[in-house]
C-alpha atoms as a PDB file:
ATOM      1  CA  MET A   1     -57.077 -66.941  -4.801  1.00  0.00           C
ATOM      2  CA  ALA A   2     -53.824 -67.212  -2.961  1.00  0.00           C
ATOM      3  CA  ASN A   3     -52.497 -69.319  -6.028  1.00  0.00           C
ATOM      4  CA  THR A   4     -53.521 -66.214  -8.777  1.00  0.00           C
ATOM      5  CA  ASP A   5     -51.496 -63.446  -6.696  1.00  0.00           C
ATOM      6  CA  SER A   6     -48.829 -65.555  -6.686  1.00  0.00           C
ATOM      7  CA  PHE A   7     -48.750 -66.050  -9.830  1.00  0.00           C
ATOM      8  CA  LEU A   8     -49.951 -62.746 -10.728  1.00  0.00           C
ATOM      9  CA  ASP A   9     -46.596 -61.571  -8.958  1.00  0.00           C
ATOM     10  CA  GLU A  10     -44.806 -63.582 -10.019  1.00  0.00           C
ATOM     11  CA  VAL A  11     -45.512 -62.086 -13.780  1.00  0.00           C
ATOM     12  CA  SER A  12     -44.734 -58.185 -11.964  1.00  0.00           C
ATOM     13  CA  GLU A  13     -41.615 -59.695 -11.011  1.00  0.00           C
ATOM     14  CA  GLU A  14     -40.417 -60.471 -14.779  1.00  0.00           C
ATOM     15  CA  VAL A  15     -42.062 -57.709 -17.006  1.00  0.00           C
ATOM     16  CA  ARG A  16     -40.218 -55.760 -14.160  1.00  0.00           C
ATOM     17  CA  ARG A  17     -36.940 -57.579 -14.623  1.00  0.00           C
ATOM     18  CA  ASP A  18     -37.399 -57.575 -18.380  1.00  0.00           C
ATOM     19  CA  ARG A  19     -37.721 -53.336 -18.602  1.00  0.00           C
ATOM     20  CA  LEU A  20     -34.617 -53.190 -16.412  1.00  0.00           C
ATOM     21  CA  PHE A  21     -32.878 -54.937 -18.638  1.00  0.00           C
ATOM     22  CA  ALA A  22     -33.864 -53.213 -21.774  1.00  0.00           C
ATOM     23  CA  LEU A  23     -33.480 -49.711 -20.069  1.00  0.00           C
ATOM     24  CA  LEU A  24     -29.499 -51.113 -19.274  1.00  0.00           C
ATOM     25  CA  ARG A  25     -28.973 -52.661 -22.602  1.00  0.00           C
ATOM     26  CA  ARG A  26     -30.490 -48.890 -23.769  1.00  0.00           C
ATOM     27  CA  TRP A  27     -28.476 -47.006 -21.718  1.00  0.00           C
ATOM     28  CA  GLY A  28     -26.267 -48.187 -19.900  1.00  0.00           C
ATOM     29  CA  TRP A  29     -23.089 -47.017 -21.520  1.00  0.00           C
ATOM     30  CA  ILE A  30     -23.813 -44.009 -20.603  1.00  0.00           C
ATOM     31  CA  ALA A  31     -23.228 -45.123 -16.892  1.00  0.00           C
ATOM     32  CA  ALA A  32     -20.489 -47.214 -17.522  1.00  0.00           C
ATOM     33  CA  LEU A  33     -19.068 -43.370 -19.141  1.00  0.00           C
ATOM     34  CA  ALA A  34     -19.973 -41.598 -16.361  1.00  0.00           C
ATOM     35  CA  VAL A  35     -17.769 -43.873 -14.398  1.00  0.00           C
ATOM     36  CA  LEU A  36     -14.988 -44.167 -16.670  1.00  0.00           C
ATOM     37  CA  LEU A  37     -14.618 -40.774 -16.512  1.00  0.00           C
ATOM     38  CA  LEU A  38     -15.007 -39.958 -12.633  1.00  0.00           C
ATOM     39  CA  VAL A  39     -11.738 -42.615 -12.667  1.00  0.00           C
ATOM     40  CA  GLY A  40      -9.950 -41.034 -15.167  1.00  0.00           C
ATOM     41  CA  GLY A  41     -10.522 -37.588 -14.013  1.00  0.00           C
ATOM     42  CA  ALA A  42      -9.398 -38.445 -10.339  1.00  0.00           C
ATOM     43  CA  ALA A  43      -5.972 -40.540 -12.293  1.00  0.00           C
ATOM     44  CA  TRP A  44      -5.111 -37.697 -14.384  1.00  0.00           C
ATOM     45  CA  ASN A  45      -5.891 -35.356 -11.566  1.00  0.00           C
ATOM     46  CA  GLU A  46      -3.404 -37.312  -9.320  1.00  0.00           C
ATOM     47  CA  TYR A  47      -0.717 -37.230 -12.135  1.00  0.00           C
ATOM     48  CA  ARG A  48      -0.931 -33.988 -12.749  1.00  0.00           C
ATOM     49  CA  ASN A  49      -0.141 -33.138  -8.714  1.00  0.00           C
ATOM     50  CA  ALA A  50       2.792 -35.629  -8.874  1.00  0.00           C
ATOM     51  CA  GLN A  51       4.138 -33.733 -12.087  1.00  0.00           C
ATOM     52  CA  ALA A  52       4.150 -30.609  -9.814  1.00  0.00           C
ATOM     53  CA  THR A  53       5.377 -31.736  -6.876  1.00  0.00           C
ATOM     54  CA  ARG A  54       8.200 -33.308  -8.966  1.00  0.00           C
ATOM     55  CA  GLN A  55       8.507 -29.928 -10.349  1.00  0.00           C
ATOM     56  CA  ALA A  56       9.089 -27.896  -7.516  1.00  0.00           C
ATOM     57  CA  GLU A  57      11.106 -30.494  -5.825  1.00  0.00           C
ATOM     58  CA  ALA A  58      13.660 -30.348  -8.527  1.00  0.00           C
ATOM     59  CA  PHE A  59      13.549 -26.143  -9.119  1.00  0.00           C
ATOM     60  CA  GLY A  60      13.636 -26.523  -4.912  1.00  0.00           C
ATOM     61  CA  ASP A  61      16.992 -28.803  -4.892  1.00  0.00           C
ATOM     62  CA  ALA A  62      18.657 -26.701  -7.759  1.00  0.00           C
ATOM     63  CA  VAL A  63      18.095 -23.377  -5.892  1.00  0.00           C
ATOM     64  CA  LEU A  64      19.696 -24.694  -2.457  1.00  0.00           C
ATOM     65  CA  ALA A  65      22.640 -26.434  -3.984  1.00  0.00           C
ATOM     66  CA  ALA A  66      23.207 -23.306  -6.284  1.00  0.00           C
ATOM     67  CA  PHE A  67      23.000 -21.449  -2.942  1.00  0.00           C
ATOM     68  CA  ASP A  68      25.296 -24.547  -1.471  1.00  0.00           C
ATOM     69  CA  THR A  69      28.570 -22.136  -4.169  1.00  0.00           C
ATOM     70  CA  ASP A  70      30.739 -19.887  -2.471  1.00  0.00           C
ATOM     71  CA  ASP A  71      31.884 -19.003  -5.750  1.00  0.00           C
ATOM     72  CA  ALA A  72      29.626 -15.879  -7.139  1.00  0.00           C
ATOM     73  CA  ALA A  73      30.116 -16.777 -10.621  1.00  0.00           C
ATOM     74  CA  ALA A  74      29.019 -20.411 -10.221  1.00  0.00           C
ATOM     75  CA  ARG A  75      25.882 -19.404  -8.344  1.00  0.00           C
ATOM     76  CA  MET A  76      24.829 -17.223 -11.056  1.00  0.00           C
ATOM     77  CA  ALA A  77      25.055 -20.308 -13.380  1.00  0.00           C
ATOM     78  CA  ALA A  78      23.623 -22.352 -11.067  1.00  0.00           C
ATOM     79  CA  LEU A  79      20.461 -19.663 -10.259  1.00  0.00           C
ATOM     80  CA  ALA A  80      20.601 -19.509 -14.460  1.00  0.00           C
ATOM     81  CA  ALA A  81      20.390 -23.710 -15.226  1.00  0.00           C
ATOM     82  CA  ALA A  82      17.481 -24.131 -12.653  1.00  0.00           C
ATOM     83  CA  PRO A  83      14.060 -25.765 -14.308  1.00  0.00           C
ATOM     84  CA  ALA A  84      11.563 -22.737 -13.600  1.00  0.00           C
ATOM     85  CA  ASP A  85       8.651 -23.991 -15.396  1.00  0.00           C
ATOM     86  CA  THR A  86       6.512 -21.910 -14.216  1.00  0.00           C
ATOM     87  CA  PRO A  87       5.379 -17.741 -13.879  1.00  0.00           C
ATOM     88  CA  GLU A  88       6.032 -18.222  -9.701  1.00  0.00           C
ATOM     89  CA  GLU A  89       9.090 -19.910 -10.505  1.00  0.00           C
ATOM     90  CA  GLN A  90      10.811 -17.501 -12.751  1.00  0.00           C
ATOM     91  CA  LEU A  91       9.683 -14.414 -10.606  1.00  0.00           C
ATOM     92  CA  ILE A  92      11.357 -16.520  -7.746  1.00  0.00           C
ATOM     93  CA  LEU A  93      14.417 -16.779  -9.792  1.00  0.00           C
ATOM     94  CA  ALA A  94      14.423 -13.382 -10.909  1.00  0.00           C
ATOM     95  CA  LEU A  95      13.937 -11.744  -7.762  1.00  0.00           C
ATOM     96  CA  LEU A  96      17.151 -13.966  -6.616  1.00  0.00           C
ATOM     97  CA  GLN A  97      19.101 -13.162  -9.320  1.00  0.00           C
ATOM     98  CA  ALA A  98      18.420 -10.114  -8.393  1.00  0.00           C
ATOM     99  CA  GLY A  99      20.015  -9.974  -5.090  1.00  0.00           C
ATOM    100  CA  GLU A 100      22.560 -11.526  -7.027  1.00  0.00           C
ATOM    101  CA  GLU A 101      23.390  -8.614  -8.998  1.00  0.00           C
ATOM    102  CA  ALA A 102      22.231  -5.475  -6.652  1.00  0.00           C
ATOM    103  CA  ASP A 103      25.359  -4.164  -6.977  1.00  0.00           C
ATOM    104  CA  GLY A 104      27.237  -2.554 -10.299  1.00  0.00           C
ATOM    105  CA  GLU A 105      25.681  -1.856 -13.781  1.00  0.00           C
ATOM    106  CA  GLU A 106      23.982  -5.440 -13.236  1.00  0.00           C
ATOM    107  CA  ALA A 107      21.412  -4.263 -11.602  1.00  0.00           C
ATOM    108  CA  ALA A 108      18.955  -1.465 -14.159  1.00  0.00           C
ATOM    109  CA  ALA A 109      19.296  -4.882 -15.985  1.00  0.00           C
ATOM    110  CA  ALA A 110      17.821  -7.385 -13.257  1.00  0.00           C
ATOM    111  CA  ALA A 111      15.281  -4.465 -12.607  1.00  0.00           C
ATOM    112  CA  ALA A 112      14.224  -5.119 -16.302  1.00  0.00           C
ATOM    113  CA  ARG A 113      13.861  -8.176 -15.653  1.00  0.00           C
ATOM    114  CA  LEU A 114      11.963  -8.012 -12.574  1.00  0.00           C
ATOM    115  CA  ARG A 115       9.482  -5.766 -14.333  1.00  0.00           C
ATOM    116  CA  SER A 116       9.178  -7.786 -17.473  1.00  0.00           C
ATOM    117  CA  LEU A 117       7.807 -10.460 -15.497  1.00  0.00           C
ATOM    118  CA  ALA A 118       5.573  -8.765 -13.263  1.00  0.00           C
ATOM    119  CA  ASP A 119       3.851  -7.194 -16.035  1.00  0.00           C
ATOM    120  CA  GLN A 120       2.222 -11.113 -16.810  1.00  0.00           C
ATOM    121  CA  SER A 121      -0.959 -11.190 -16.593  1.00  0.00           C
ATOM    122  CA  ASP A 122      -0.940 -14.674 -15.567  1.00  0.00           C
ATOM    123  CA  LEU A 123       1.035 -13.826 -12.107  1.00  0.00           C
ATOM    124  CA  PRO A 124      -0.574 -13.433  -8.549  1.00  0.00           C
ATOM    125  CA  PRO A 125      -0.635 -10.080  -7.491  1.00  0.00           C
ATOM    126  CA  ARG A 126       1.204 -10.754  -4.490  1.00  0.00           C
ATOM    127  CA  TYR A 127       4.287 -11.584  -6.935  1.00  0.00           C
ATOM    128  CA  SER A 128       3.935  -8.903  -9.485  1.00  0.00           C
ATOM    129  CA  ASP A 129       3.822  -6.638  -6.514  1.00  0.00           C
ATOM    130  CA  LEU A 130       6.746  -8.165  -4.846  1.00  0.00           C
ATOM    131  CA  ALA A 131       8.998  -8.267  -8.821  1.00  0.00           C
ATOM    132  CA  ARG A 132       7.695  -4.512  -8.907  1.00  0.00           C
ATOM    133  CA  LEU A 133       8.606  -3.288  -5.340  1.00  0.00           C
ATOM    134  CA  ARG A 134      12.318  -5.240  -5.557  1.00  0.00           C
ATOM    135  CA  ALA A 135      12.787  -3.539  -9.669  1.00  0.00           C
ATOM    136  CA  HIS A 136      12.134   0.058  -7.807  1.00  0.00           C
ATOM    137  CA  MET A 137      14.352  -0.428  -5.149  1.00  0.00           C
ATOM    138  CA  LEU A 138      17.781  -1.600  -7.817  1.00  0.00           C
ATOM    139  CA  ALA A 139      16.765   0.518  -9.962  1.00  0.00           C
ATOM    140  CA  PRO A 140      14.445   3.573  -9.371  1.00  0.00           C
ATOM    141  CA  GLU A 141      12.233   5.053 -12.163  1.00  0.00           C
ATOM    142  CA  ASP A 142      11.354   8.598 -12.787  1.00  0.00           C
ATOM    143  CA  PRO A 143      10.260  10.108  -9.467  1.00  0.00           C
ATOM    144  CA  ALA A 144       6.512  10.845 -10.628  1.00  0.00           C
ATOM    145  CA  LEU A 145       6.346   7.063 -11.669  1.00  0.00           C
ATOM    146  CA  ALA A 146       8.145   5.769  -9.014  1.00  0.00           C
ATOM    147  CA  LEU A 147       5.533   7.705  -6.718  1.00  0.00           C
ATOM    148  CA  ALA A 148       2.763   6.514  -8.466  1.00  0.00           C
ATOM    149  CA  LEU A 149       4.073   2.528  -8.700  1.00  0.00           C
ATOM    150  CA  MET A 150       4.522   3.144  -4.489  1.00  0.00           C
ATOM    151  CA  ASP A 151       0.663   4.635  -4.256  1.00  0.00           C
ATOM    152  CA  HIS A 152      -0.731   1.683  -6.248  1.00  0.00           C
ATOM    153  CA  LEU A 153       1.573  -0.810  -3.615  1.00  0.00           C
ATOM    154  CA  ALA A 154       0.673   0.868  -0.737  1.00  0.00           C
ATOM    155  CA  ARG A 155      -2.987   0.758  -1.473  1.00  0.00           C
ATOM    156  CA  PRO A 156      -4.767  -0.681   1.764  1.00  0.00           C
ATOM    157  CA  GLY A 157      -4.815  -4.065   2.112  1.00  0.00           C
ATOM    158  CA  ALA A 158      -1.462  -4.501  -0.223  1.00  0.00           C
ATOM    159  CA  PRO A 159       0.749  -7.390   1.008  1.00  0.00           C
ATOM    160  CA  TYR A 160       3.510  -4.687   1.081  1.00  0.00           C
ATOM    161  CA  ARG A 161       1.936  -1.359   1.608  1.00  0.00           C
ATOM    162  CA  ALA A 162       3.984  -0.883   4.646  1.00  0.00           C
ATOM    163  CA  LEU A 163       7.280  -1.406   2.611  1.00  0.00           C
ATOM    164  CA  ALA A 164       6.097   0.942  -0.288  1.00  0.00           C
ATOM    165  CA  MET A 165       5.151   3.558   2.022  1.00  0.00           C
ATOM    166  CA  GLU A 166       8.705   3.305   2.807  1.00  0.00           C
ATOM    167  CA  GLN A 167       9.478   4.197  -0.374  1.00  0.00           C
ATOM    168  CA  GLN A 168       7.342   6.925  -0.537  1.00  0.00           C
ATOM    169  CA  ALA A 169       9.165   8.747   2.426  1.00  0.00           C
ATOM    170  CA  TYR A 170      12.191   8.119   0.577  1.00  0.00           C
ATOM    171  CA  ILE A 171      11.573   9.688  -2.414  1.00  0.00           C
ATOM    172  CA  ARG A 172       9.800  12.488  -0.932  1.00  0.00           C
ATOM    173  CA  LEU A 173      12.765  12.948   1.282  1.00  0.00           C
ATOM    174  CA  ALA A 174      15.242  13.077  -2.141  1.00  0.00           C
ATOM    175  CA  GLN A 175      12.667  15.583  -3.407  1.00  0.00           C
ATOM    176  CA  GLY A 176      13.622  17.869  -0.762  1.00  0.00           C
ATOM    177  CA  GLU A 177      10.414  17.659   0.890  1.00  0.00           C
ATOM    178  CA  THR A 178      11.319  16.441   4.607  1.00  0.00           C
ATOM    179  CA  GLY A 179       7.921  17.281   5.862  1.00  0.00           C
ATOM    180  CA  ALA A 180       6.203  15.150   4.031  1.00  0.00           C
ATOM    181  CA  GLY A 181       8.741  12.158   4.413  1.00  0.00           C
ATOM    182  CA  ILE A 182       8.575  12.934   7.834  1.00  0.00           C
ATOM    183  CA  GLU A 183       5.176  12.202   7.955  1.00  0.00           C
ATOM    184  CA  ILE A 184       4.415   9.023   5.818  1.00  0.00           C
ATOM    185  CA  LEU A 185       7.079   7.612   8.220  1.00  0.00           C
ATOM    186  CA  ARG A 186       5.394   8.512  11.135  1.00  0.00           C
ATOM    187  CA  GLN A 187       2.282   6.680   9.357  1.00  0.00           C
ATOM    188  CA  VAL A 188       4.565   3.063   8.229  1.00  0.00           C
ATOM    189  CA  GLN A 189       5.745   3.394  12.642  1.00  0.00           C
ATOM    190  CA  ASN A 190       1.637   3.597  13.034  1.00  0.00           C
ATOM    191  CA  GLU A 191       1.099   0.450  10.248  1.00  0.00           C
ATOM    192  CA  ALA A 192      -0.477  -2.589  12.185  1.00  0.00           C
ATOM    193  CA  VAL A 193       1.166  -4.849   9.491  1.00  0.00           C
ATOM    194  CA  ALA A 194       5.042  -3.000   9.544  1.00  0.00           C
ATOM    195  CA  THR A 195       7.194  -5.153  10.732  1.00  0.00           C
ATOM    196  CA  PRO A 196       8.993  -4.604  14.468  1.00  0.00           C
ATOM    197  CA  GLY A 197      12.321  -3.869  12.420  1.00  0.00           C
ATOM    198  CA  LEU A 198      10.691  -1.869   9.848  1.00  0.00           C
ATOM    199  CA  GLN A 199       8.961   0.445  12.692  1.00  0.00           C
ATOM    200  CA  GLN A 200      12.254   1.255  14.247  1.00  0.00           C
ATOM    201  CA  ARG A 201      14.021   2.127  11.029  1.00  0.00           C
ATOM    202  CA  ALA A 202      11.293   4.498  10.633  1.00  0.00           C
ATOM    203  CA  MET A 203      11.867   5.711  13.818  1.00  0.00           C
ATOM    204  CA  GLN A 204      15.988   6.140  13.008  1.00  0.00           C
ATOM    205  CA  LEU A 205      15.570   8.066  10.675  1.00  0.00           C
ATOM    206  CA  ILE A 206      12.638  10.423  11.898  1.00  0.00           C
ATOM    207  CA  VAL A 207      15.156  10.950  14.852  1.00  0.00           C
ATOM    208  CA  ALA A 208      17.553  11.529  12.398  1.00  0.00           C
ATOM    209  CA  LEU A 209      15.995  14.115   9.944  1.00  0.00           C
ATOM    210  CA  GLU A 210      14.607  16.056  12.415  1.00  0.00           C
ATOM    211  CA  THR A 211      18.721  16.835  14.245  1.00  0.00           C
ATOM    212  CA  GLY A 212      19.190  18.475  10.361  1.00  0.00           C
ATOM    213  CA  ALA A 213      20.420  15.147   9.307  1.00  0.00           C
ATOM    214  CA  VAL A 214      20.502  15.282   5.162  1.00  0.00           C
ATOM    215  CA  LEU A 215      19.071  11.908   3.013  1.00  0.00           C
ATOM    216  CA  VAL A 216      21.624  11.050   0.072  1.00  0.00           C
ATOM    217  CA  ASP A 217      21.981   7.765  -2.084  1.00  0.00           C
ATOM    218  CA  ALA A 218      23.851   4.818  -0.591  1.00  0.00           C
ATOM    219  CA  PRO A 219      24.766   1.762  -2.589  1.00  0.00           C
ATOM    220  CA  VAL A 220      22.665  -1.686  -1.822  1.00  0.00           C
ATOM    221  CA  ASP A 221      23.790  -4.491  -0.753  1.00  0.00           C
ATOM    222  CA  ASP A 222      22.235  -8.436  -0.971  1.00  0.00           C
ATOM    223  CA  ALA A 223      20.942  -8.548   2.039  1.00  0.00           C
ATOM    224  CA  PRO A 224      19.177  -4.708   2.478  1.00  0.00           C
ATOM    225  CA  VAL A 225      20.654  -2.722   4.811  1.00  0.00           C
ATOM    226  CA  ASP A 226      19.604   0.703   5.989  1.00  0.00           C
ATOM    227  CA  THR A 227      21.672   3.023   8.173  1.00  0.00           C
ATOM    228  CA  VAL A 228      21.346   6.056   9.660  1.00  0.00           C
ATOM    229  CA  GLY A 229      23.778   8.631  11.371  1.00  0.00           C
ATOM    230  CA  ASP A 230      25.598   8.391  14.864  1.00  0.00           C
ATOM    231  CA  ASP A 231      23.446  10.919  15.962  1.00  0.00           C
ATOM    232  CA  ALA A 232      20.286   8.714  15.507  1.00  0.00           C
ATOM    233  CA  THR A 233      21.458   5.931  16.822  1.00  0.00           C
ATOM    234  CA  GLY A 234      25.418   5.313  16.413  1.00  0.00           C
ATOM    235  CA  GLU A 235      24.910   1.504  14.449  1.00  0.00           C
ATOM    236  CA  ALA A 236      23.592   0.107  11.515  1.00  0.00           C
ATOM    237  CA  GLU A 237      20.623  -2.069  11.467  1.00  0.00           C
ATOM    238  CA  GLU A 238      19.770  -5.106   9.363  1.00  0.00           C
ATOM    239  CA  ALA A 239      16.155  -5.889   8.568  1.00  0.00           C
ATOM    240  CA  PRO A 240      16.752  -9.773   7.253  1.00  0.00           C
ATOM    241  CA  GLU A 241      12.662 -10.285   8.306  1.00  0.00           C
ATOM    242  CA  SER A 242      11.433  -8.467   5.299  1.00  0.00           C
ATOM    243  CA  PRO A 243      12.318  -9.284   2.316  1.00  0.00           C
ATOM    244  CA  GLY A 244      12.851  -6.743  -0.468  1.00  0.00           C
ATOM    245  CA  THR A 245      12.846  -3.980   2.243  1.00  0.00           C
ATOM    246  CA  GLY A 246      15.713  -2.735   2.166  1.00  0.00           C
ATOM    247  CA  ALA A 247      16.282   1.148   1.273  1.00  0.00           C
ATOM    248  CA  GLU A 248      18.754   2.762  -0.445  1.00  0.00           C
ATOM    249  CA  THR A 249      19.378   5.477   2.304  1.00  0.00           C
ATOM    250  CA  THR A 250      21.646   6.771   4.308  1.00  0.00           C
ATOM    251  CA  ALA A 251      21.182   9.742   6.749  1.00  0.00           C
ATOM    252  CA  THR A 252      24.188  11.804   7.310  1.00  0.00           C
ATOM    253  CA  GLU A 253      24.982  15.252   9.033  1.00  0.00           C
END
């Protein structure tokens, strides 16, 4: 009986082995293909990541090299030659170029270029919103259009809400709506996302306006600077901690 059981076990084992080999011959190519796809996909992903890293490094090196140049014309030429391959890099490059073109007639062209880039559908909102905000600061549109844009940029949770609210206040003040402008500036002071520099700037402007100052236009520098009259603070304050926050206004008696 023991020999019979052993013989049956061996036969069963052989049958199972034959069936397994038959399945492998019939369907084994699928498993091999799956392995090849997994390995190939991983290799392609690593290649793409390496390419993106090299492109980003090349873009960053070109920008840094451009700003190592003291000559403005050479700096602009170096920025124009920077290899901006992605929409994000193109927008960053346009923002940097806009900083170089902030003065004079070139500001309008820089603003138009930023608005064109902001309209690209493949840009993340934080980039397109920044481009529109900076374009407004370089070359404001019609007050009604500008207010509509600032209302959009100042929506709750938006990345540049406090900066857009500041621009809302400037538009209101420029239209002679001093009370509305001051009220918006007070809201800016209470915004949790507003930087200390922005809150300080709002407070200074409120003080200046409440003492009878009049809002007038002022030139925009490469690094945005906001000033109020001597009656408010006696000194101008620069706010470099918030990119693109510069107000193109000055309060004077």
